[in-house]
PDB file of N, CA and C in Angstrom:
ATOM      1  N   MET A   1       0.830  -1.314  -0.018  1.00  0.00           N
ATOM      2  CA  MET A   1       0.136   0.082  -0.017  1.00  0.00           C
ATOM      3  C   MET A   1       0.673   1.271   0.023  1.00  0.00           C
ATOM      4  N   ASN A   2       1.900   1.443   0.849  1.00  0.00           N
ATOM      5  CA  ASN A   2       2.756   2.330   0.826  1.00  0.00           C
ATOM      6  C   ASN A   2       3.234   2.791  -0.544  1.00  0.00           C
ATOM      7  N   ARG A   3       3.773   1.527  -0.998  1.00  0.00           N
ATOM      8  CA  ARG A   3       4.589   1.552  -2.434  1.00  0.00           C
ATOM      9  C   ARG A   3       3.580   1.994  -3.228  1.00  0.00           C
ATOM     10  N   VAL A   4       2.239   2.111  -3.634  1.00  0.00           N
ATOM     11  CA  VAL A   4       1.405   2.545  -4.322  1.00  0.00           C
ATOM     12  C   VAL A   4       1.102   3.906  -4.199  1.00  0.00           C
ATOM     13  N   LEU A   5       0.772   4.571  -2.781  1.00  0.00           N
ATOM     14  CA  LEU A   5       1.109   5.905  -2.364  1.00  0.00           C
ATOM     15  C   LEU A   5       2.099   6.634  -3.045  1.00  0.00           C
ATOM     16  N   LEU A   6       3.232   6.102  -2.815  1.00  0.00           N
ATOM     17  CA  LEU A   6       4.610   6.524  -3.018  1.00  0.00           C
ATOM     18  C   LEU A   6       4.663   7.159  -4.664  1.00  0.00           C
ATOM     19  N   GLN A   7       4.096   6.016  -5.340  1.00  0.00           N
ATOM     20  CA  GLN A   7       4.278   6.020  -6.816  1.00  0.00           C
ATOM     21  C   GLN A   7       3.032   7.034  -7.623  1.00  0.00           C
ATOM     22  N   LEU A   8       2.222   6.956  -6.525  1.00  0.00           N
ATOM     23  CA  LEU A   8       0.899   8.125  -7.138  1.00  0.00           C
ATOM     24  C   LEU A   8       1.616   9.520  -6.832  1.00  0.00           C
ATOM     25  N   VAL A   9       2.279   9.519  -5.762  1.00  0.00           N
ATOM     26  CA  VAL A   9       3.114  10.887  -5.382  1.00  0.00           C
ATOM     27  C   VAL A   9       3.962  11.423  -6.312  1.00  0.00           C
ATOM     28  N   ALA A  10       4.833  10.594  -6.661  1.00  0.00           N
ATOM     29  CA  ALA A  10       5.529  10.654  -7.639  1.00  0.00           C
ATOM     30  C   ALA A  10       4.992  11.180  -9.045  1.00  0.00           C
ATOM     31  N   VAL A  11       4.323  10.191  -9.519  1.00  0.00           N
ATOM     32  CA  VAL A  11       3.865  10.698 -10.765  1.00  0.00           C
ATOM     33  C   VAL A  11       2.843  12.130 -10.929  1.00  0.00           C
ATOM     34  N   GLY A  12       2.448  12.314  -9.579  1.00  0.00           N
ATOM     35  CA  GLY A  12       1.636  13.890  -9.121  1.00  0.00           C
ATOM     36  C   GLY A  12       2.747  14.620  -9.487  1.00  0.00           C
ATOM     37  N   PHE A  13       3.754  14.578  -8.884  1.00  0.00           N
ATOM     38  CA  PHE A  13       5.050  15.258  -9.035  1.00  0.00           C
ATOM     39  C   PHE A  13       5.425  15.717 -10.446  1.00  0.00           C
ATOM     40  N   CYS A  14       5.836  14.857 -11.019  1.00  0.00           N
ATOM     41  CA  CYS A  14       6.045  14.883 -12.500  1.00  0.00           C
ATOM     42  C   CYS A  14       5.009  15.727 -13.212  1.00  0.00           C
ATOM     43  N   PHE A  15       3.770  15.553 -13.013  1.00  0.00           N
ATOM     44  CA  PHE A  15       2.738  16.400 -13.603  1.00  0.00           C
ATOM     45  C   PHE A  15       2.760  17.883 -13.229  1.00  0.00           C
ATOM     46  N   ALA A  16       3.027  18.141 -12.265  1.00  0.00           N
ATOM     47  CA  ALA A  16       3.206  19.414 -11.552  1.00  0.00           C
ATOM     48  C   ALA A  16       4.162  19.999 -12.082  1.00  0.00           C
ATOM     49  N   VAL A  17       5.406  19.736 -12.436  1.00  0.00           N
ATOM     50  CA  VAL A  17       6.752  20.205 -12.800  1.00  0.00           C
ATOM     51  C   VAL A  17       6.239  20.263 -14.485  1.00  0.00           C
ATOM     52  N   VAL A  18       5.592  19.699 -15.239  1.00  0.00           N
ATOM     53  CA  VAL A  18       5.372  19.642 -16.555  1.00  0.00           C
ATOM     54  C   VAL A  18       4.088  20.871 -16.748  1.00  0.00           C
ATOM     55  N   GLN A  19       3.414  21.002 -15.810  1.00  0.00           N
ATOM     56  CA  GLN A  19       2.538  22.304 -16.109  1.00  0.00           C
ATOM     57  C   GLN A  19       2.842  23.418 -15.760  1.00  0.00           C
ATOM     58  N   ALA A  20       4.189  23.804 -15.604  1.00  0.00           N
ATOM     59  CA  ALA A  20       4.677  25.405 -15.417  1.00  0.00           C
ATOM     60  C   ALA A  20       4.240  25.977 -16.757  1.00  0.00           C
ATOM     61  N   LEU A  21       3.817  27.365 -16.379  1.00  0.00           N
ATOM     62  CA  LEU A  21       3.346  28.211 -17.388  1.00  0.00           C
ATOM     63  C   LEU A  21       4.556  28.653 -18.082  1.00  0.00           C
ATOM     64  N   GLN A  22       4.413  28.612 -19.453  1.00  0.00           N
ATOM     65  CA  GLN A  22       5.471  29.136 -20.409  1.00  0.00           C
ATOM     66  C   GLN A  22       4.850  30.300 -21.337  1.00  0.00           C
ATOM     67  N   CYS A  23       5.769  31.421 -21.179  1.00  0.00           N
ATOM     68  CA  CYS A  23       5.240  32.427 -21.794  1.00  0.00           C
ATOM     69  C   CYS A  23       6.659  33.241 -22.736  1.00  0.00           C
ATOM     70  N   TYR A  24       5.896  34.082 -23.665  1.00  0.00           N
ATOM     71  CA  TYR A  24       7.119  34.605 -24.498  1.00  0.00           C
ATOM     72  C   TYR A  24       7.954  36.025 -23.625  1.00  0.00           C
ATOM     73  N   GLU A  25       8.967  36.111 -23.632  1.00  0.00           N
ATOM     74  CA  GLU A  25       9.696  37.228 -22.955  1.00  0.00           C
ATOM     75  C   GLU A  25      10.187  38.220 -24.006  1.00  0.00           C
ATOM     76  N   CYS A  26      10.092  39.341 -23.957  1.00  0.00           N
ATOM     77  CA  CYS A  26      10.702  40.593 -24.473  1.00  0.00           C
ATOM     78  C   CYS A  26      10.952  41.419 -23.292  1.00  0.00           C
ATOM     79  N   LYS A  27      12.283  41.747 -23.174  1.00  0.00           N
ATOM     80  CA  LYS A  27      12.748  42.625 -22.009  1.00  0.00           C
ATOM     81  C   LYS A  27      12.407  44.302 -22.485  1.00  0.00           C
ATOM     82  N   PHE A  28      12.934  44.273 -23.597  1.00  0.00           N
ATOM     83  CA  PHE A  28      12.221  45.848 -23.829  1.00  0.00           C
ATOM     84  C   PHE A  28      12.196  46.026 -25.522  1.00  0.00           C
ATOM     85  N   GLY A  29      11.225  46.234 -26.195  1.00  0.00           N
ATOM     86  CA  GLY A  29      10.893  46.542 -27.444  1.00  0.00           C
ATOM     87  C   GLY A  29      10.372  48.056 -27.621  1.00  0.00           C
ATOM     88  N   VAL A  30      10.807  48.371 -28.932  1.00  0.00           N
ATOM     89  CA  VAL A  30      10.531  49.771 -29.300  1.00  0.00           C
ATOM     90  C   VAL A  30       9.624  49.611 -30.655  1.00  0.00           C
ATOM     91  N   GLY A  31       8.203  50.377 -30.843  1.00  0.00           N
ATOM     92  CA  GLY A  31       7.748  50.139 -31.766  1.00  0.00           C
ATOM     93  C   GLY A  31       7.341  48.556 -32.158  1.00  0.00           C
ATOM     94  N   ASN A  32       7.098  48.046 -33.093  1.00  0.00           N
ATOM     95  CA  ASN A  32       6.882  46.703 -33.258  1.00  0.00           C
ATOM     96  C   ASN A  32       8.187  45.739 -33.189  1.00  0.00           C
ATOM     97  N   LEU A  33       9.048  46.201 -32.888  1.00  0.00           N
ATOM     98  CA  LEU A  33      10.443  45.564 -32.788  1.00  0.00           C
ATOM     99  C   LEU A  33      10.589  45.010 -31.389  1.00  0.00           C
ATOM    100  N   CYS A  34      10.409  43.623 -30.944  1.00  0.00           N
ATOM    101  CA  CYS A  34      10.378  43.245 -29.622  1.00  0.00           C
ATOM    102  C   CYS A  34      10.953  41.544 -29.822  1.00  0.00           C
ATOM    103  N   ALA A  35      12.409  41.514 -29.572  1.00  0.00           N
ATOM    104  CA  ALA A  35      12.891  40.204 -29.746  1.00  0.00           C
ATOM    105  C   ALA A  35      12.658  39.473 -28.606  1.00  0.00           C
ATOM    106  N   THR A  36      11.917  38.096 -28.855  1.00  0.00           N
ATOM    107  CA  THR A  36      11.422  37.412 -27.802  1.00  0.00           C
ATOM    108  C   THR A  36      12.020  36.008 -27.769  1.00  0.00           C
ATOM    109  N   SER A  37      11.871  35.477 -26.672  1.00  0.00           N
ATOM    110  CA  SER A  37      12.006  34.014 -26.078  1.00  0.00           C
ATOM    111  C   SER A  37      11.191  33.552 -25.458  1.00  0.00           C
ATOM    112  N   LYS A  38      11.223  32.284 -25.323  1.00  0.00           N
ATOM    113  CA  LYS A  38      10.516  31.647 -24.308  1.00  0.00           C
ATOM    114  C   LYS A  38      10.828  31.377 -22.933  1.00  0.00           C
ATOM    115  N   VAL A  39      10.141  31.668 -21.797  1.00  0.00           N
ATOM    116  CA  VAL A  39      10.371  31.388 -20.362  1.00  0.00           C
ATOM    117  C   VAL A  39       9.267  30.616 -19.784  1.00  0.00           C
ATOM    118  N   THR A  40       9.918  30.177 -18.412  1.00  0.00           N
ATOM    119  CA  THR A  40       9.072  29.490 -17.722  1.00  0.00           C
ATOM    120  C   THR A  40       8.556  30.365 -16.395  1.00  0.00           C
ATOM    121  N   CYS A  41       7.584  30.533 -16.249  1.00  0.00           N
ATOM    122  CA  CYS A  41       7.133  31.299 -14.877  1.00  0.00           C
ATOM    123  C   CYS A  41       7.290  30.401 -13.641  1.00  0.00           C
ATOM    124  N   ALA A  42       7.458  31.516 -12.575  1.00  0.00           N
ATOM    125  CA  ALA A  42       7.546  30.686 -11.326  1.00  0.00           C
ATOM    126  C   ALA A  42       6.171  30.614 -10.884  1.00  0.00           C
ATOM    127  N   THR A  43       5.983  29.907  -9.542  1.00  0.00           N
ATOM    128  CA  THR A  43       4.653  29.662  -8.960  1.00  0.00           C
ATOM    129  C   THR A  43       4.209  31.111  -8.946  1.00  0.00           C
ATOM    130  N   GLY A  44       2.780  31.336  -8.942  1.00  0.00           N
ATOM    131  CA  GLY A  44       2.051  32.796  -8.618  1.00  0.00           C
ATOM    132  C   GLY A  44       2.507  33.958  -9.721  1.00  0.00           C
ATOM    133  N   GLU A  45       2.965  33.405 -10.830  1.00  0.00           N
ATOM    134  CA  GLU A  45       3.063  34.315 -11.908  1.00  0.00           C
ATOM    135  C   GLU A  45       2.186  33.886 -13.177  1.00  0.00           C
ATOM    136  N   GLN A  46       1.908  35.126 -14.171  1.00  0.00           N
ATOM    137  CA  GLN A  46       1.435  34.871 -15.167  1.00  0.00           C
ATOM    138  C   GLN A  46       1.890  35.350 -16.231  1.00  0.00           C
ATOM    139  N   CYS A  47       1.669  34.950 -17.573  1.00  0.00           N
ATOM    140  CA  CYS A  47       2.129  35.785 -18.626  1.00  0.00           C
ATOM    141  C   CYS A  47       1.762  37.052 -18.652  1.00  0.00           C
ATOM    142  N   PHE A  48       2.763  38.370 -19.347  1.00  0.00           N
ATOM    143  CA  PHE A  48       1.906  39.610 -19.489  1.00  0.00           C
ATOM    144  C   PHE A  48       2.367  40.159 -20.796  1.00  0.00           C
ATOM    145  N   SER A  49       1.655  40.990 -21.199  1.00  0.00           N
ATOM    146  CA  SER A  49       1.946  41.859 -22.243  1.00  0.00           C
ATOM    147  C   SER A  49       1.882  43.260 -21.889  1.00  0.00           C
ATOM    148  N   GLY A  50       3.009  43.743 -22.016  1.00  0.00           N
ATOM    149  CA  GLY A  50       3.163  45.364 -21.402  1.00  0.00           C
ATOM    150  C   GLY A  50       3.096  46.424 -22.665  1.00  0.00           C
ATOM    151  N   VAL A  51       2.282  47.344 -22.940  1.00  0.00           N
ATOM    152  CA  VAL A  51       2.399  48.664 -23.671  1.00  0.00           C
ATOM    153  C   VAL A  51       2.661  50.230 -22.986  1.00  0.00           C
ATOM    154  N   GLY A  52       3.344  50.456 -23.677  1.00  0.00           N
ATOM    155  CA  GLY A  52       3.630  52.027 -23.198  1.00  0.00           C
ATOM    156  C   GLY A  52       4.252  52.752 -24.130  1.00  0.00           C
ATOM    157  N   GLU A  53       4.528  54.088 -23.633  1.00  0.00           N
ATOM    158  CA  GLU A  53       4.860  55.140 -24.573  1.00  0.00           C
ATOM    159  C   GLU A  53       5.725  56.082 -23.742  1.00  0.00           C
ATOM    160  N   ALA A  54       6.679  56.406 -24.421  1.00  0.00           N
ATOM    161  CA  ALA A  54       7.890  57.475 -24.104  1.00  0.00           C
ATOM    162  C   ALA A  54       7.886  58.570 -24.678  1.00  0.00           C
ATOM    163  N   ALA A  55       8.332  59.661 -24.169  1.00  0.00           N
ATOM    164  CA  ALA A  55       8.644  61.244 -24.558  1.00  0.00           C
ATOM    165  C   ALA A  55       7.256  61.266 -25.496  1.00  0.00           C
ATOM    166  N   GLY A  56       6.097  60.771 -25.258  1.00  0.00           N
ATOM    167  CA  GLY A  56       4.845  61.082 -25.930  1.00  0.00           C
ATOM    168  C   GLY A  56       4.730  60.667 -27.216  1.00  0.00           C
ATOM    169  N   PHE A  57       5.684  59.832 -27.922  1.00  0.00           N
ATOM    170  CA  PHE A  57       5.270  59.235 -29.008  1.00  0.00           C
ATOM    171  C   PHE A  57       5.985  58.017 -29.438  1.00  0.00           C
ATOM    172  N   VAL A  58       7.081  57.508 -28.482  1.00  0.00           N
ATOM    173  CA  VAL A  58       7.736  56.297 -28.770  1.00  0.00           C
ATOM    174  C   VAL A  58       6.891  55.022 -28.065  1.00  0.00           C
ATOM    175  N   SER A  59       6.699  54.388 -29.206  1.00  0.00           N
ATOM    176  CA  SER A  59       5.678  53.050 -28.355  1.00  0.00           C
ATOM    177  C   SER A  59       6.763  52.118 -27.823  1.00  0.00           C
ATOM    178  N   ILE A  60       6.433  51.737 -26.384  1.00  0.00           N
ATOM    179  CA  ILE A  60       7.556  50.850 -25.908  1.00  0.00           C
ATOM    180  C   ILE A  60       6.597  49.522 -25.527  1.00  0.00           C
ATOM    181  N   LYS A  61       7.320  48.272 -25.669  1.00  0.00           N
ATOM    182  CA  LYS A  61       6.644  46.983 -25.394  1.00  0.00           C
ATOM    183  C   LYS A  61       7.581  46.025 -24.535  1.00  0.00           C
ATOM    184  N   MET A  62       6.702  45.324 -23.605  1.00  0.00           N
ATOM    185  CA  MET A  62       7.404  44.258 -22.724  1.00  0.00           C
ATOM    186  C   MET A  62       6.731  42.755 -22.733  1.00  0.00           C
ATOM    187  N   LYS A  63       7.227  41.877 -22.505  1.00  0.00           N
ATOM    188  CA  LYS A  63       6.731  40.778 -22.425  1.00  0.00           C
ATOM    189  C   LYS A  63       7.391  39.580 -21.174  1.00  0.00           C
ATOM    190  N   GLY A  64       6.410  39.017 -20.634  1.00  0.00           N
ATOM    191  CA  GLY A  64       7.380  38.167 -19.768  1.00  0.00           C
ATOM    192  C   GLY A  64       6.210  37.360 -18.761  1.00  0.00           C
ATOM    193  N   CYS A  65       6.857  37.069 -17.602  1.00  0.00           N
ATOM    194  CA  CYS A  65       6.173  36.763 -16.510  1.00  0.00           C
ATOM    195  C   CYS A  65       5.894  37.795 -15.442  1.00  0.00           C
ATOM    196  N   LEU A  66       4.614  37.923 -14.801  1.00  0.00           N
ATOM    197  CA  LEU A  66       4.562  38.808 -13.762  1.00  0.00           C
ATOM    198  C   LEU A  66       3.919  38.127 -12.621  1.00  0.00           C
ATOM    199  N   GLU A  67       4.212  38.893 -11.765  1.00  0.00           N
ATOM    200  CA  GLU A  67       3.451  38.500  -9.950  1.00  0.00           C
ATOM    201  C   GLU A  67       1.932  38.950 -10.430  1.00  0.00           C
ATOM    202  N   LEU A  68       1.110  38.043 -10.100  1.00  0.00           N
ATOM    203  CA  LEU A  68      -0.587  38.218 -10.358  1.00  0.00           C
ATOM    204  C   LEU A  68      -0.842  39.536  -9.671  1.00  0.00           C
ATOM    205  N   ALA A  69      -0.413  40.139  -8.542  1.00  0.00           N
ATOM    206  CA  ALA A  69      -0.680  41.224  -7.803  1.00  0.00           C
ATOM    207  C   ALA A  69      -0.710  42.463  -8.773  1.00  0.00           C
ATOM    208  N   LYS A  70       0.456  42.123  -9.675  1.00  0.00           N
ATOM    209  CA  LYS A  70       0.881  43.363 -10.536  1.00  0.00           C
ATOM    210  C   LYS A  70      -0.077  43.521 -11.967  1.00  0.00           C
ATOM    211  N   CYS A  71      -0.547  42.374 -12.306  1.00  0.00           N
ATOM    212  CA  CYS A  71      -1.386  42.490 -13.498  1.00  0.00           C
ATOM    213  C   CYS A  71      -2.480  43.331 -13.357  1.00  0.00           C
ATOM    214  N   ASN A  72      -2.599  43.930 -14.880  1.00  0.00           N
ATOM    215  CA  ASN A  72      -3.899  44.422 -15.433  1.00  0.00           C
ATOM    216  C   ASN A  72      -3.516  45.900 -14.513  1.00  0.00           C
ATOM    217  N   LYS A  73      -2.448  46.544 -14.307  1.00  0.00           N
ATOM    218  CA  LYS A  73      -2.276  47.648 -13.613  1.00  0.00           C
ATOM    219  C   LYS A  73      -1.188  48.726 -14.767  1.00  0.00           C
ATOM    220  N   THR A  74      -1.368  50.050 -14.378  1.00  0.00           N
ATOM    221  CA  THR A  74      -0.333  50.805 -14.857  1.00  0.00           C
ATOM    222  C   THR A  74       0.838  50.999 -13.889  1.00  0.00           C
ATOM    223  N   GLU A  75       2.060  50.954 -14.623  1.00  0.00           N
ATOM    224  CA  GLU A  75       3.003  51.184 -13.651  1.00  0.00           C
ATOM    225  C   GLU A  75       3.897  52.097 -14.443  1.00  0.00           C
ATOM    226  N   ASP A  76       4.569  53.206 -13.551  1.00  0.00           N
ATOM    227  CA  ASP A  76       5.303  54.153 -13.874  1.00  0.00           C
ATOM    228  C   ASP A  76       6.709  53.571 -13.729  1.00  0.00           C
ATOM    229  N   THR A  77       7.596  53.813 -14.752  1.00  0.00           N
ATOM    230  CA  THR A  77       8.995  53.890 -14.774  1.00  0.00           C
ATOM    231  C   THR A  77       9.449  55.111 -14.438  1.00  0.00           C
ATOM    232  N   VAL A  78      10.467  55.348 -13.368  1.00  0.00           N
ATOM    233  CA  VAL A  78      10.809  56.642 -12.843  1.00  0.00           C
ATOM    234  C   VAL A  78      12.297  56.676 -12.612  1.00  0.00           C
ATOM    235  N   LEU A  79      13.078  57.599 -13.130  1.00  0.00           N
ATOM    236  CA  LEU A  79      14.444  58.001 -12.849  1.00  0.00           C
ATOM    237  C   LEU A  79      14.663  58.748 -11.400  1.00  0.00           C
ATOM    238  N   PRO A  80      15.604  58.809 -11.123  1.00  0.00           N
ATOM    239  CA  PRO A  80      16.044  59.177  -9.771  1.00  0.00           C
ATOM    240  C   PRO A  80      15.853  60.901  -9.880  1.00  0.00           C
ATOM    241  N   GLY A  81      15.076  61.325  -8.841  1.00  0.00           N
ATOM    242  CA  GLY A  81      14.885  62.938  -9.256  1.00  0.00           C
ATOM    243  C   GLY A  81      13.404  62.914  -9.590  1.00  0.00           C
ATOM    244  N   ASN A  82      12.594  61.744  -9.420  1.00  0.00           N
ATOM    245  CA  ASN A  82      10.922  61.738  -9.735  1.00  0.00           C
ATOM    246  C   ASN A  82      10.723  62.052 -11.087  1.00  0.00           C
ATOM    247  N   THR A  83      11.321  61.816 -12.053  1.00  0.00           N
ATOM    248  CA  THR A  83      11.121  62.094 -13.288  1.00  0.00           C
ATOM    249  C   THR A  83      10.638  60.512 -14.008  1.00  0.00           C
ATOM    250  N   THR A  84       9.146  60.646 -14.424  1.00  0.00           N
ATOM    251  CA  THR A  84       8.866  59.550 -15.033  1.00  0.00           C
ATOM    252  C   THR A  84       9.236  59.562 -16.614  1.00  0.00           C
ATOM    253  N   VAL A  85       9.882  58.364 -16.786  1.00  0.00           N
ATOM    254  CA  VAL A  85      10.300  58.201 -18.072  1.00  0.00           C
ATOM    255  C   VAL A  85       9.080  57.626 -19.030  1.00  0.00           C
ATOM    256  N   TYR A  86       8.429  56.589 -18.473  1.00  0.00           N
ATOM    257  CA  TYR A  86       7.033  56.222 -19.268  1.00  0.00           C
ATOM    258  C   TYR A  86       6.206  55.384 -18.555  1.00  0.00           C
ATOM    259  N   LYS A  87       5.106  55.224 -18.727  1.00  0.00           N
ATOM    260  CA  LYS A  87       4.146  54.568 -18.175  1.00  0.00           C
ATOM    261  C   LYS A  87       3.493  53.120 -19.047  1.00  0.00           C
ATOM    262  N   MET A  88       3.527  52.363 -18.341  1.00  0.00           N
ATOM    263  CA  MET A  88       3.467  50.919 -18.940  1.00  0.00           C
ATOM    264  C   MET A  88       2.208  50.159 -18.550  1.00  0.00           C
ATOM    265  N   TYR A  89       1.080  49.916 -19.182  1.00  0.00           N
ATOM    266  CA  TYR A  89      -0.010  48.897 -19.003  1.00  0.00           C
ATOM    267  C   TYR A  89       0.119  47.719 -19.150  1.00  0.00           C
ATOM    268  N   LYS A  90       0.064  46.739 -17.859  1.00  0.00           N
ATOM    269  CA  LYS A  90       0.349  45.536 -18.204  1.00  0.00           C
ATOM    270  C   LYS A  90      -0.756  44.421 -18.122  1.00  0.00           C
ATOM    271  N   THR A  91      -1.086  43.705 -19.306  1.00  0.00           N
ATOM    272  CA  THR A  91      -2.348  42.897 -19.313  1.00  0.00           C
ATOM    273  C   THR A  91      -1.663  41.479 -19.182  1.00  0.00           C
ATOM    274  N   CYS A  92      -2.395  40.560 -18.335  1.00  0.00           N
ATOM    275  CA  CYS A  92      -1.807  39.308 -18.359  1.00  0.00           C
ATOM    276  C   CYS A  92      -3.156  38.194 -18.722  1.00  0.00           C
ATOM    277  N   CYS A  93      -2.506  37.000 -18.726  1.00  0.00           N
ATOM    278  CA  CYS A  93      -3.104  35.915 -19.464  1.00  0.00           C
ATOM    279  C   CYS A  93      -2.516  34.706 -18.505  1.00  0.00           C
ATOM    280  N   ASN A  94      -3.161  33.563 -18.732  1.00  0.00           N
ATOM    281  CA  ASN A  94      -2.796  32.409 -18.149  1.00  0.00           C
ATOM    282  C   ASN A  94      -2.965  30.964 -18.880  1.00  0.00           C
ATOM    283  N   SER A  95      -2.586  31.049 -19.967  1.00  0.00           N
ATOM    284  CA  SER A  95      -2.427  29.567 -20.831  1.00  0.00           C
ATOM    285  C   SER A  95      -0.909  29.971 -21.349  1.00  0.00           C
ATOM    286  N   ASP A  96      -0.507  28.703 -21.745  1.00  0.00           N
ATOM    287  CA  ASP A  96       0.889  28.694 -22.367  1.00  0.00           C
ATOM    288  C   ASP A  96       0.889  29.547 -23.632  1.00  0.00           C
ATOM    289  N   LEU A  97       1.985  30.452 -23.668  1.00  0.00           N
ATOM    290  CA  LEU A  97       2.383  31.466 -24.835  1.00  0.00           C
ATOM    291  C   LEU A  97       1.185  32.423 -25.310  1.00  0.00           C
ATOM    292  N   CYS A  98       0.409  32.677 -24.305  1.00  0.00           N
ATOM    293  CA  CYS A  98      -0.642  33.455 -24.321  1.00  0.00           C
ATOM    294  C   CYS A  98      -0.241  35.071 -24.714  1.00  0.00           C
ATOM    295  N   ASN A  99       0.598  35.269 -24.522  1.00  0.00           N
ATOM    296  CA  ASN A  99       1.099  36.757 -24.703  1.00  0.00           C
ATOM    297  C   ASN A  99       2.046  37.242 -25.686  1.00  0.00           C
ATOM    298  N   ALA A 100       1.135  36.795 -27.052  1.00  0.00           N
ATOM    299  CA  ALA A 100       1.353  37.208 -28.497  1.00  0.00           C
ATOM    300  C   ALA A 100       2.595  36.188 -29.137  1.00  0.00           C
ATOM    301  N   ALA A 101       2.955  37.168 -30.188  1.00  0.00           N
ATOM    302  CA  ALA A 101       3.835  36.291 -31.333  1.00  0.00           C
ATOM    303  C   ALA A 101       4.904  36.126 -30.986  1.00  0.00           C
ATOM    304  N   PRO A 102       5.608  35.159 -32.048  1.00  0.00           N
ATOM    305  CA  PRO A 102       6.637  35.021 -31.694  1.00  0.00           C
ATOM    306  C   PRO A 102       7.757  35.959 -32.078  1.00  0.00           C
ATOM    307  N   GLY A 103       9.289  35.823 -31.916  1.00  0.00           N
ATOM    308  CA  GLY A 103      10.273  36.695 -31.790  1.00  0.00           C
ATOM    309  C   GLY A 103      10.545  37.145 -33.182  1.00  0.00           C
ATOM    310  N   THR A 104      11.500  37.976 -33.398  1.00  0.00           N
ATOM    311  CA  THR A 104      11.756  38.786 -34.735  1.00  0.00           C
ATOM    312  C   THR A 104      13.187  38.205 -35.125  1.00  0.00           C
ATOM    313  N   SER A 105      13.345  38.404 -36.115  1.00  0.00           N
ATOM    314  CA  SER A 105      14.990  38.142 -36.903  1.00  0.00           C
ATOM    315  C   SER A 105      15.932  38.735 -36.124  1.00  0.00           C
ATOM    316  N   GLY A 106      17.059  38.304 -36.734  1.00  0.00           N
ATOM    317  CA  GLY A 106      18.299  38.912 -36.283  1.00  0.00           C
ATOM    318  C   GLY A 106      18.538  40.400 -36.371  1.00  0.00           C
ATOM    319  N   LEU A 107      17.692  40.731 -37.782  1.00  0.00           N
ATOM    320  CA  LEU A 107      18.177  42.280 -38.210  1.00  0.00           C
ATOM    321  C   LEU A 107      17.312  42.868 -37.176  1.00  0.00           C
ATOM    322  N   SER A 108      15.955  42.264 -37.251  1.00  0.00           N
ATOM    323  CA  SER A 108      14.993  43.090 -36.324  1.00  0.00           C
ATOM    324  C   SER A 108      15.273  43.397 -34.985  1.00  0.00           C
ATOM    325  N   THR A 109      16.013  42.285 -34.379  1.00  0.00           N
ATOM    326  CA  THR A 109      16.840  42.763 -33.150  1.00  0.00           C
ATOM    327  C   THR A 109      17.842  43.782 -33.148  1.00  0.00           C
ATOM    328  N   ALA A 110      18.730  43.712 -33.867  1.00  0.00           N
ATOM    329  CA  ALA A 110      19.546  44.738 -34.143  1.00  0.00           C
ATOM    330  C   ALA A 110      18.787  46.301 -34.249  1.00  0.00           C
ATOM    331  N   LEU A 111      18.184  46.201 -35.049  1.00  0.00           N
ATOM    332  CA  LEU A 111      17.173  47.463 -35.350  1.00  0.00           C
ATOM    333  C   LEU A 111      16.452  47.789 -33.845  1.00  0.00           C
ATOM    334  N   ALA A 112      16.067  46.946 -33.161  1.00  0.00           N
ATOM    335  CA  ALA A 112      15.449  47.229 -31.979  1.00  0.00           C
ATOM    336  C   ALA A 112      16.428  47.657 -30.836  1.00  0.00           C
ATOM    337  N   THR A 113      17.707  46.970 -31.171  1.00  0.00           N
ATOM    338  CA  THR A 113      18.648  47.636 -29.869  1.00  0.00           C
ATOM    339  C   THR A 113      19.254  49.047 -30.283  1.00  0.00           C
ATOM    340  N   ILE A 114      19.386  49.274 -31.609  1.00  0.00           N
ATOM    341  CA  ILE A 114      19.863  50.924 -32.021  1.00  0.00           C
ATOM    342  C   ILE A 114      18.456  51.709 -31.559  1.00  0.00           C
ATOM    343  N   ALA A 115      17.450  51.239 -31.875  1.00  0.00           N
ATOM    344  CA  ALA A 115      16.135  52.213 -31.454  1.00  0.00           C
ATOM    345  C   ALA A 115      16.315  52.483 -29.779  1.00  0.00           C
ATOM    346  N   ALA A 116      16.166  51.451 -29.051  1.00  0.00           N
ATOM    347  CA  ALA A 116      16.239  51.280 -27.710  1.00  0.00           C
ATOM    348  C   ALA A 116      17.473  52.198 -27.398  1.00  0.00           C
ATOM    349  N   LEU A 117      18.497  52.239 -27.535  1.00  0.00           N
ATOM    350  CA  LEU A 117      19.716  52.860 -27.291  1.00  0.00           C
ATOM    351  C   LEU A 117      19.375  54.327 -27.706  1.00  0.00           C
ATOM    352  N   PHE A 118      18.665  54.724 -28.870  1.00  0.00           N
ATOM    353  CA  PHE A 118      18.399  56.078 -29.303  1.00  0.00           C
ATOM    354  C   PHE A 118      17.398  56.884 -28.324  1.00  0.00           C
ATOM    355  N   VAL A 119      16.476  55.954 -27.927  1.00  0.00           N
ATOM    356  CA  VAL A 119      15.359  56.396 -26.951  1.00  0.00           C
ATOM    357  C   VAL A 119      16.031  56.609 -25.606  1.00  0.00           C
ATOM    358  N   ALA A 120      16.879  55.904 -24.959  1.00  0.00           N
ATOM    359  CA  ALA A 120      17.461  56.180 -23.835  1.00  0.00           C
ATOM    360  C   ALA A 120      18.231  57.225 -24.026  1.00  0.00           C
ATOM    361  N   ASN A 121      19.117  57.448 -24.907  1.00  0.00           N
ATOM    362  CA  ASN A 121      20.221  58.682 -25.264  1.00  0.00           C
ATOM    363  C   ASN A 121      19.158  60.006 -25.340  1.00  0.00           C
ATOM    364  N   THR A 122      18.016  59.853 -25.665  1.00  0.00           N
ATOM    365  CA  THR A 122      17.255  60.925 -25.929  1.00  0.00           C
ATOM    366  C   THR A 122      16.510  61.415 -24.748  1.00  0.00           C
ATOM    367  N   LEU A 123      16.018  60.128 -23.633  1.00  0.00           N
ATOM    368  CA  LEU A 123      15.425  60.789 -22.471  1.00  0.00           C
ATOM    369  C   LEU A 123      16.355  61.003 -21.470  1.00  0.00           C
ATOM    370  N   LEU A 124      17.677  60.648 -21.608  1.00  0.00           N
ATOM    371  CA  LEU A 124      18.555  60.848 -20.784  1.00  0.00           C
ATOM    372  C   LEU A 124      19.441  62.216 -20.903  1.00  0.00           C
TER     373      LEU A 124
END
């Protein structure tokens, strides 16, 4: 009987490990350029897609895993001195890869990096 219980616990543990939520992750994207990869969320996190605007006209995007308490809220990114750089609204979802499309090509990644550096230079 103990052996059967131990086997059931082991099988249950395997299913728990397999059921971790997978999301697309993009640490920082500008316009439609957002280089993504796949990431596994920790317990208590969901996939999110964030959309914001910097300097009144530059579209900023992020994707990844986010604590449930921070979902579906607007968050300010602030520099020292209380200067708001941008506001971002983060929308969550809770199924595998639910936070939008796959990544971009290497050329798009390079363009996104250049655009991000330009925006950072402009804002600072």
